[in-house]
Amino acid sequence: MSELINLINIDLDLSRSEVIYDFKEFDPADWTITRNPPEWVVTKDAVTGGGPDEPYHGQIFYKTPVMGDVVLEFDAELIAPSYHDLIWWWNTRLDKEPWGDGYLGCLGGWFANLAGIEKSPTFQPSAIAPSCEIFPGKTYHIISGSCQGVHFIVVDGKMVTYLTDPTPPDPATPGYFGFGVYQSHAAYRNLKVLRPFGIPHTNKYTPATQL
């Protein structure tokens, strides 16, 4: 896919975005923050959680938070016979109860084969948009996160939803990133965590040519 993603009045340039973390550099032992069942299995190649009969909403987070905007780029797969959601988190404050501001991205699940973004701690859908139906065994390449006030989901090179938030999290506050499952079994691979490089641009109208 193109390394330039248009976000309303910003062009996100992936090629110029700093890589904060790369999956091949992760220590599996550093995925130490888990909430609720299921048991998670973390290797050098994947973060896998849940099972076909998993009744819980489980989360796993990397132990070291980051401050400011982040973008997650990763591959995600539902493992048969699961057909529910793929979930990921960024800029999430989970070091207090209730959770502080942060974002959850999702394909499927409650969104019934739609793409959605929720904001914690209320977890009310903030943006929902049509998306392709998700199938077990298919790998989806996802780029999602925040850049200069725009929060978005790109799946397999296609922008599926984005939103602007009038009350975003404090950029000086550390936020955690991670993955989730809800009544599903999923694997997440090839994660990169990027510090986004955004280039502001101005949209212009082109006058119609008179006939």
C-alpha atoms as a PDB file:
ATOM      1  CA  MET A   1       0.000   0.000   0.000  1.00  0.00           C
ATOM      2  CA  SER A   2       0.990   3.638  -0.324  1.00  0.00           C
ATOM      3  CA  GLU A   3       3.119   4.998   2.484  1.00  0.00           C
ATOM      4  CA  LEU A   4       1.098   8.236   2.394  1.00  0.00           C
ATOM      5  CA  ILE A   5      -2.293   8.163   4.147  1.00  0.00           C
ATOM      6  CA  ASN A   6      -4.665  11.090   3.748  1.00  0.00           C
ATOM      7  CA  LEU A   7      -6.313  12.060   7.046  1.00  0.00           C
ATOM      8  CA  ILE A   8      -8.674  14.964   6.322  1.00  0.00           C
ATOM      9  CA  ASN A   9      -6.199  17.900   6.402  1.00  0.00           C
ATOM     10  CA  ILE A  10      -3.112  15.816   7.186  1.00  0.00           C
ATOM     11  CA  ASP A  11      -0.988  13.463   5.114  1.00  0.00           C
ATOM     12  CA  LEU A  12       0.495  10.738   7.314  1.00  0.00           C
ATOM     13  CA  ASP A  13       3.841   9.707   5.847  1.00  0.00           C
ATOM     14  CA  LEU A  14       4.699   6.214   7.093  1.00  0.00           C
ATOM     15  CA  SER A  15       8.124   6.284   5.453  1.00  0.00           C
ATOM     16  CA  ARG A  16       9.107   9.271   7.603  1.00  0.00           C
ATOM     17  CA  SER A  17       7.458   8.045  10.806  1.00  0.00           C
ATOM     18  CA  GLU A  18       9.807   6.939  13.582  1.00  0.00           C
ATOM     19  CA  VAL A  19       9.602   3.265  14.574  1.00  0.00           C
ATOM     20  CA  ILE A  20       9.311   3.217  18.364  1.00  0.00           C
ATOM     21  CA  TYR A  21       8.891  -0.551  18.672  1.00  0.00           C
ATOM     22  CA  ASP A  22       9.248  -3.394  16.180  1.00  0.00           C
ATOM     23  CA  PHE A  23       7.850  -6.866  16.875  1.00  0.00           C
ATOM     24  CA  LYS A  24      11.148  -8.576  16.127  1.00  0.00           C
ATOM     25  CA  GLU A  25      12.684  -6.520  18.931  1.00  0.00           C
ATOM     26  CA  PHE A  26       9.977  -7.233  21.531  1.00  0.00           C
ATOM     27  CA  ASP A  27      10.795  -9.427  24.492  1.00  0.00           C
ATOM     28  CA  PRO A  28       7.790 -11.752  24.975  1.00  0.00           C
ATOM     29  CA  ALA A  29       8.158 -11.340  28.726  1.00  0.00           C
ATOM     30  CA  ASP A  30       7.405  -7.623  28.385  1.00  0.00           C
ATOM     31  CA  TRP A  31       3.762  -8.226  27.467  1.00  0.00           C
ATOM     32  CA  THR A  32       2.978  -8.356  31.159  1.00  0.00           C
ATOM     33  CA  ILE A  33      -0.222  -6.367  31.615  1.00  0.00           C
ATOM     34  CA  THR A  34      -3.272  -8.586  31.164  1.00  0.00           C
ATOM     35  CA  ARG A  35      -6.874  -8.038  32.163  1.00  0.00           C
ATOM     36  CA  ASN A  36      -9.508 -10.753  32.475  1.00  0.00           C
ATOM     37  CA  PRO A  37      -9.187 -14.192  30.950  1.00  0.00           C
ATOM     38  CA  PRO A  38      -8.121 -15.714  28.590  1.00  0.00           C
ATOM     39  CA  GLU A  39      -4.561 -16.868  28.843  1.00  0.00           C
ATOM     40  CA  TRP A  40      -2.349 -15.162  26.273  1.00  0.00           C
ATOM     41  CA  VAL A  41       0.524 -16.827  24.459  1.00  0.00           C
ATOM     42  CA  VAL A  42       3.304 -14.474  23.386  1.00  0.00           C
ATOM     43  CA  THR A  43       6.192 -15.549  21.181  1.00  0.00           C
ATOM     44  CA  LYS A  44       8.660 -13.692  18.995  1.00  0.00           C
ATOM     45  CA  ASP A  45       6.223 -14.141  16.131  1.00  0.00           C
ATOM     46  CA  ALA A  46       2.739 -13.533  17.535  1.00  0.00           C
ATOM     47  CA  VAL A  47       0.486 -12.466  20.396  1.00  0.00           C
ATOM     48  CA  THR A  48      -2.361 -14.992  20.552  1.00  0.00           C
ATOM     49  CA  GLY A  49      -5.338 -15.072  22.898  1.00  0.00           C
ATOM     50  CA  GLY A  50      -8.733 -16.610  23.390  1.00  0.00           C
ATOM     51  CA  GLY A  51     -10.316 -19.740  22.060  1.00  0.00           C
ATOM     52  CA  PRO A  52     -13.393 -20.837  20.127  1.00  0.00           C
ATOM     53  CA  ASP A  53     -15.505 -20.926  23.311  1.00  0.00           C
ATOM     54  CA  GLU A  54     -13.891 -17.940  25.041  1.00  0.00           C
ATOM     55  CA  PRO A  55     -16.680 -16.070  26.901  1.00  0.00           C
ATOM     56  CA  TYR A  56     -14.631 -13.122  28.154  1.00  0.00           C
ATOM     57  CA  HIS A  57     -13.311  -9.809  26.951  1.00  0.00           C
ATOM     58  CA  GLY A  58      -9.598 -10.157  27.549  1.00  0.00           C
ATOM     59  CA  GLN A  59      -6.826  -7.648  26.980  1.00  0.00           C
ATOM     60  CA  ILE A  60      -3.053  -7.729  26.862  1.00  0.00           C
ATOM     61  CA  PHE A  61      -0.850  -4.642  26.927  1.00  0.00           C
ATOM     62  CA  TYR A  62       2.822  -3.981  26.511  1.00  0.00           C
ATOM     63  CA  LYS A  63       4.303  -3.005  29.868  1.00  0.00           C
ATOM     64  CA  THR A  64       5.937   0.230  28.694  1.00  0.00           C
ATOM     65  CA  PRO A  65       3.579   3.110  27.824  1.00  0.00           C
ATOM     66  CA  VAL A  66       4.360   5.857  25.342  1.00  0.00           C
ATOM     67  CA  MET A  67       3.356   9.506  25.270  1.00  0.00           C
ATOM     68  CA  GLY A  68       1.750  11.406  22.425  1.00  0.00           C
ATOM     69  CA  ASP A  69       0.404  10.206  19.111  1.00  0.00           C
ATOM     70  CA  VAL A  70       1.112   6.631  18.063  1.00  0.00           C
ATOM     71  CA  VAL A  71       0.191   4.505  15.065  1.00  0.00           C
ATOM     72  CA  LEU A  72       0.046   0.698  15.191  1.00  0.00           C
ATOM     73  CA  GLU A  73       0.821  -1.295  12.050  1.00  0.00           C
ATOM     74  CA  PHE A  74       0.227  -5.054  12.314  1.00  0.00           C
ATOM     75  CA  ASP A  75      -1.328  -8.183  10.850  1.00  0.00           C
ATOM     76  CA  ALA A  76      -4.366  -9.765  12.514  1.00  0.00           C
ATOM     77  CA  GLU A  77      -6.129 -13.091  12.042  1.00  0.00           C
ATOM     78  CA  LEU A  78      -9.182 -14.769  13.532  1.00  0.00           C
ATOM     79  CA  ILE A  79      -8.484 -18.420  14.273  1.00  0.00           C
ATOM     80  CA  ALA A  80     -11.227 -20.858  13.228  1.00  0.00           C
ATOM     81  CA  PRO A  81     -13.878 -21.545  14.280  1.00  0.00           C
ATOM     82  CA  SER A  82     -14.029 -18.060  15.822  1.00  0.00           C
ATOM     83  CA  TYR A  83     -15.874 -15.432  13.828  1.00  0.00           C
ATOM     84  CA  HIS A  84     -16.016 -12.527  16.285  1.00  0.00           C
ATOM     85  CA  ASP A  85     -13.824  -9.480  16.589  1.00  0.00           C
ATOM     86  CA  LEU A  86     -10.266  -8.282  16.177  1.00  0.00           C
ATOM     87  CA  ILE A  87      -9.444  -5.634  18.805  1.00  0.00           C
ATOM     88  CA  TRP A  88      -6.511  -3.303  19.435  1.00  0.00           C
ATOM     89  CA  TRP A  89      -5.816  -0.405  21.799  1.00  0.00           C
ATOM     90  CA  TRP A  90      -3.686   2.720  21.787  1.00  0.00           C
ATOM     91  CA  ASN A  91      -3.127   5.775  24.027  1.00  0.00           C
ATOM     92  CA  THR A  92      -5.029   3.920  26.743  1.00  0.00           C
ATOM     93  CA  ARG A  93      -4.800   4.894  30.418  1.00  0.00           C
ATOM     94  CA  LEU A  94      -5.238   1.689  32.377  1.00  0.00           C
ATOM     95  CA  ASP A  95      -3.192   2.536  35.439  1.00  0.00           C
ATOM     96  CA  LYS A  96      -6.272   3.744  37.314  1.00  0.00           C
ATOM     97  CA  GLU A  97      -9.929   2.796  37.781  1.00  0.00           C
ATOM     98  CA  PRO A  98     -11.985   3.626  35.857  1.00  0.00           C
ATOM     99  CA  TRP A  99      -9.683   3.706  32.877  1.00  0.00           C
ATOM    100  CA  GLY A 100      -8.661   7.103  31.599  1.00  0.00           C
ATOM    101  CA  ASP A 101      -8.907   8.420  28.054  1.00  0.00           C
ATOM    102  CA  GLY A 102      -7.805   6.147  25.238  1.00  0.00           C
ATOM    103  CA  TYR A 103      -8.958   4.402  22.080  1.00  0.00           C
ATOM    104  CA  LEU A 104     -10.100   0.960  20.990  1.00  0.00           C
ATOM    105  CA  GLY A 105     -10.241  -0.111  17.350  1.00  0.00           C
ATOM    106  CA  CYS A 106     -12.257  -3.114  16.216  1.00  0.00           C
ATOM    107  CA  LEU A 107     -13.287  -5.121  13.196  1.00  0.00           C
ATOM    108  CA  GLY A 108     -16.392  -7.266  13.585  1.00  0.00           C
ATOM    109  CA  GLY A 109     -17.771  -8.209  16.999  1.00  0.00           C
ATOM    110  CA  TRP A 110     -20.339  -5.771  18.355  1.00  0.00           C
ATOM    111  CA  PHE A 111     -20.006  -3.868  15.102  1.00  0.00           C
ATOM    112  CA  ALA A 112     -21.431  -6.798  13.093  1.00  0.00           C
ATOM    113  CA  ASN A 113     -18.774  -6.810  10.381  1.00  0.00           C
ATOM    114  CA  LEU A 114     -18.259  -3.069  10.547  1.00  0.00           C
ATOM    115  CA  ALA A 115     -15.168  -1.139  11.593  1.00  0.00           C
ATOM    116  CA  GLY A 116     -15.378   0.958  14.728  1.00  0.00           C
ATOM    117  CA  ILE A 117     -13.492   3.183  17.141  1.00  0.00           C
ATOM    118  CA  GLU A 118     -14.501   3.509  20.793  1.00  0.00           C
ATOM    119  CA  LYS A 119     -13.109   5.894  23.379  1.00  0.00           C
ATOM    120  CA  SER A 120     -12.421   4.845  26.962  1.00  0.00           C
ATOM    121  CA  PRO A 121     -13.501   4.981  29.698  1.00  0.00           C
ATOM    122  CA  THR A 122     -17.116   4.991  28.440  1.00  0.00           C
ATOM    123  CA  PHE A 123     -16.439   2.649  25.485  1.00  0.00           C
ATOM    124  CA  GLN A 124     -19.300   4.132  23.534  1.00  0.00           C
ATOM    125  CA  PRO A 125     -18.849   3.831  19.766  1.00  0.00           C
ATOM    126  CA  SER A 126     -17.425   7.098  18.486  1.00  0.00           C
ATOM    127  CA  ALA A 127     -17.173   6.117  14.812  1.00  0.00           C
ATOM    128  CA  ILE A 128     -18.678   3.190  12.923  1.00  0.00           C
ATOM    129  CA  ALA A 129     -18.315   2.598   9.206  1.00  0.00           C
ATOM    130  CA  PRO A 130     -18.948  -0.168   6.666  1.00  0.00           C
ATOM    131  CA  SER A 131     -16.136  -2.672   6.359  1.00  0.00           C
ATOM    132  CA  CYS A 132     -15.490  -5.996   4.700  1.00  0.00           C
ATOM    133  CA  GLU A 133     -16.805  -9.052   6.478  1.00  0.00           C
ATOM    134  CA  ILE A 134     -14.075 -10.726   8.511  1.00  0.00           C
ATOM    135  CA  PHE A 135     -13.385 -14.437   8.125  1.00  0.00           C
ATOM    136  CA  PRO A 136     -11.275 -16.853  10.173  1.00  0.00           C
ATOM    137  CA  GLY A 137      -7.993 -17.786   8.565  1.00  0.00           C
ATOM    138  CA  LYS A 138      -7.668 -14.561   6.589  1.00  0.00           C
ATOM    139  CA  THR A 139      -4.862 -12.158   7.513  1.00  0.00           C
ATOM    140  CA  TYR A 140      -5.773  -8.472   7.652  1.00  0.00           C
ATOM    141  CA  HIS A 141      -3.105  -5.781   7.482  1.00  0.00           C
ATOM    142  CA  ILE A 142      -4.170  -2.974   9.801  1.00  0.00           C
ATOM    143  CA  ILE A 143      -2.785   0.532  10.303  1.00  0.00           C
ATOM    144  CA  SER A 144      -4.542   2.417  13.077  1.00  0.00           C
ATOM    145  CA  GLY A 145      -3.871   5.132  15.625  1.00  0.00           C
ATOM    146  CA  SER A 146      -3.786   8.886  16.071  1.00  0.00           C
ATOM    147  CA  CYS A 147      -2.123  11.729  14.200  1.00  0.00           C
ATOM    148  CA  GLN A 148      -2.648  15.382  15.069  1.00  0.00           C
ATOM    149  CA  GLY A 149      -6.154  14.889  16.414  1.00  0.00           C
ATOM    150  CA  VAL A 150      -7.346  12.407  13.781  1.00  0.00           C
ATOM    151  CA  HIS A 151      -7.985   8.794  14.851  1.00  0.00           C
ATOM    152  CA  PHE A 152      -8.331   6.201  12.114  1.00  0.00           C
ATOM    153  CA  ILE A 153      -8.394   2.606  10.844  1.00  0.00           C
ATOM    154  CA  VAL A 154      -6.892   1.474   7.531  1.00  0.00           C
ATOM    155  CA  VAL A 155      -7.447  -2.162   6.511  1.00  0.00           C
ATOM    156  CA  ASP A 156      -5.594  -3.750   3.595  1.00  0.00           C
ATOM    157  CA  GLY A 157      -4.748  -0.347   2.178  1.00  0.00           C
ATOM    158  CA  LYS A 158      -8.282   1.064   2.445  1.00  0.00           C
ATOM    159  CA  MET A 159      -9.343   3.816   4.855  1.00  0.00           C
ATOM    160  CA  VAL A 160     -12.417   2.364   6.561  1.00  0.00           C
ATOM    161  CA  THR A 161     -13.144   4.946   9.263  1.00  0.00           C
ATOM    162  CA  TYR A 162     -11.723   7.976  11.043  1.00  0.00           C
ATOM    163  CA  LEU A 163     -12.813  10.674  13.440  1.00  0.00           C
ATOM    164  CA  THR A 164     -11.651  13.844  15.120  1.00  0.00           C
ATOM    165  CA  ASP A 165     -11.947  14.085  18.908  1.00  0.00           C
ATOM    166  CA  PRO A 166     -12.628  17.499  20.487  1.00  0.00           C
ATOM    167  CA  THR A 167     -11.276  16.245  23.839  1.00  0.00           C
ATOM    168  CA  PRO A 168      -8.276  14.001  23.047  1.00  0.00           C
ATOM    169  CA  PRO A 169      -6.063  12.520  25.766  1.00  0.00           C
ATOM    170  CA  ASP A 170      -3.384  14.758  27.243  1.00  0.00           C
ATOM    171  CA  PRO A 171      -0.279  14.236  25.034  1.00  0.00           C
ATOM    172  CA  ALA A 172       1.905  14.515  28.133  1.00  0.00           C
ATOM    173  CA  THR A 173       0.182  11.509  29.722  1.00  0.00           C
ATOM    174  CA  PRO A 174       1.614   8.026  29.067  1.00  0.00           C
ATOM    175  CA  GLY A 175      -0.715   5.650  27.219  1.00  0.00           C
ATOM    176  CA  TYR A 176      -0.559   1.892  26.702  1.00  0.00           C
ATOM    177  CA  PHE A 177      -0.998  -0.115  23.509  1.00  0.00           C
ATOM    178  CA  GLY A 178      -2.117  -3.697  23.127  1.00  0.00           C
ATOM    179  CA  PHE A 179      -4.630  -6.198  21.789  1.00  0.00           C
ATOM    180  CA  GLY A 180      -7.892  -7.822  22.785  1.00  0.00           C
ATOM    181  CA  VAL A 181     -10.341 -10.654  22.175  1.00  0.00           C
ATOM    182  CA  TYR A 182     -14.029 -10.920  22.937  1.00  0.00           C
ATOM    183  CA  GLN A 183     -15.581 -14.358  22.518  1.00  0.00           C
ATOM    184  CA  SER A 184     -12.935 -14.957  19.898  1.00  0.00           C
ATOM    185  CA  HIS A 185      -9.555 -16.509  19.227  1.00  0.00           C
ATOM    186  CA  ALA A 186      -7.122 -14.189  17.464  1.00  0.00           C
ATOM    187  CA  ALA A 187      -3.458 -13.810  16.584  1.00  0.00           C
ATOM    188  CA  TYR A 188      -1.630 -10.514  16.079  1.00  0.00           C
ATOM    189  CA  ARG A 189       1.698 -10.415  14.255  1.00  0.00           C
ATOM    190  CA  ASN A 190       4.369  -8.124  12.795  1.00  0.00           C
ATOM    191  CA  LEU A 191       3.531  -5.189  15.038  1.00  0.00           C
ATOM    192  CA  LYS A 192       5.279  -1.882  14.564  1.00  0.00           C
ATOM    193  CA  VAL A 193       4.558   1.085  16.805  1.00  0.00           C
ATOM    194  CA  LEU A 194       5.217   4.353  14.997  1.00  0.00           C
ATOM    195  CA  ARG A 195       5.542   7.976  15.981  1.00  0.00           C
ATOM    196  CA  PRO A 196       3.490   9.445  13.114  1.00  0.00           C
ATOM    197  CA  PHE A 197       4.943  12.065  10.794  1.00  0.00           C
ATOM    198  CA  GLY A 198       2.048  14.219   9.610  1.00  0.00           C
ATOM    199  CA  ILE A 199       2.190  16.860   6.916  1.00  0.00           C
ATOM    200  CA  PRO A 200      -0.626  19.446   7.051  1.00  0.00           C
ATOM    201  CA  HIS A 201      -2.261  20.254   3.746  1.00  0.00           C
ATOM    202  CA  THR A 202      -5.067  22.536   2.606  1.00  0.00           C
ATOM    203  CA  ASN A 203      -7.915  21.279   0.492  1.00  0.00           C
ATOM    204  CA  LYS A 204      -8.761  23.581  -2.365  1.00  0.00           C
ATOM    205  CA  TYR A 205     -11.749  23.844  -4.627  1.00  0.00           C
ATOM    206  CA  THR A 206     -11.097  23.956  -8.342  1.00  0.00           C
ATOM    207  CA  PRO A 207     -13.504  26.322 -10.149  1.00  0.00           C
ATOM    208  CA  ALA A 208     -15.664  24.611 -12.717  1.00  0.00           C
ATOM    209  CA  THR A 209     -14.806  25.424 -16.305  1.00  0.00           C
ATOM    210  CA  GLN A 210     -17.640  27.178 -18.073  1.00  0.00           C
ATOM    211  CA  LEU A 211     -18.774  25.599 -21.306  1.00  0.00           C
END
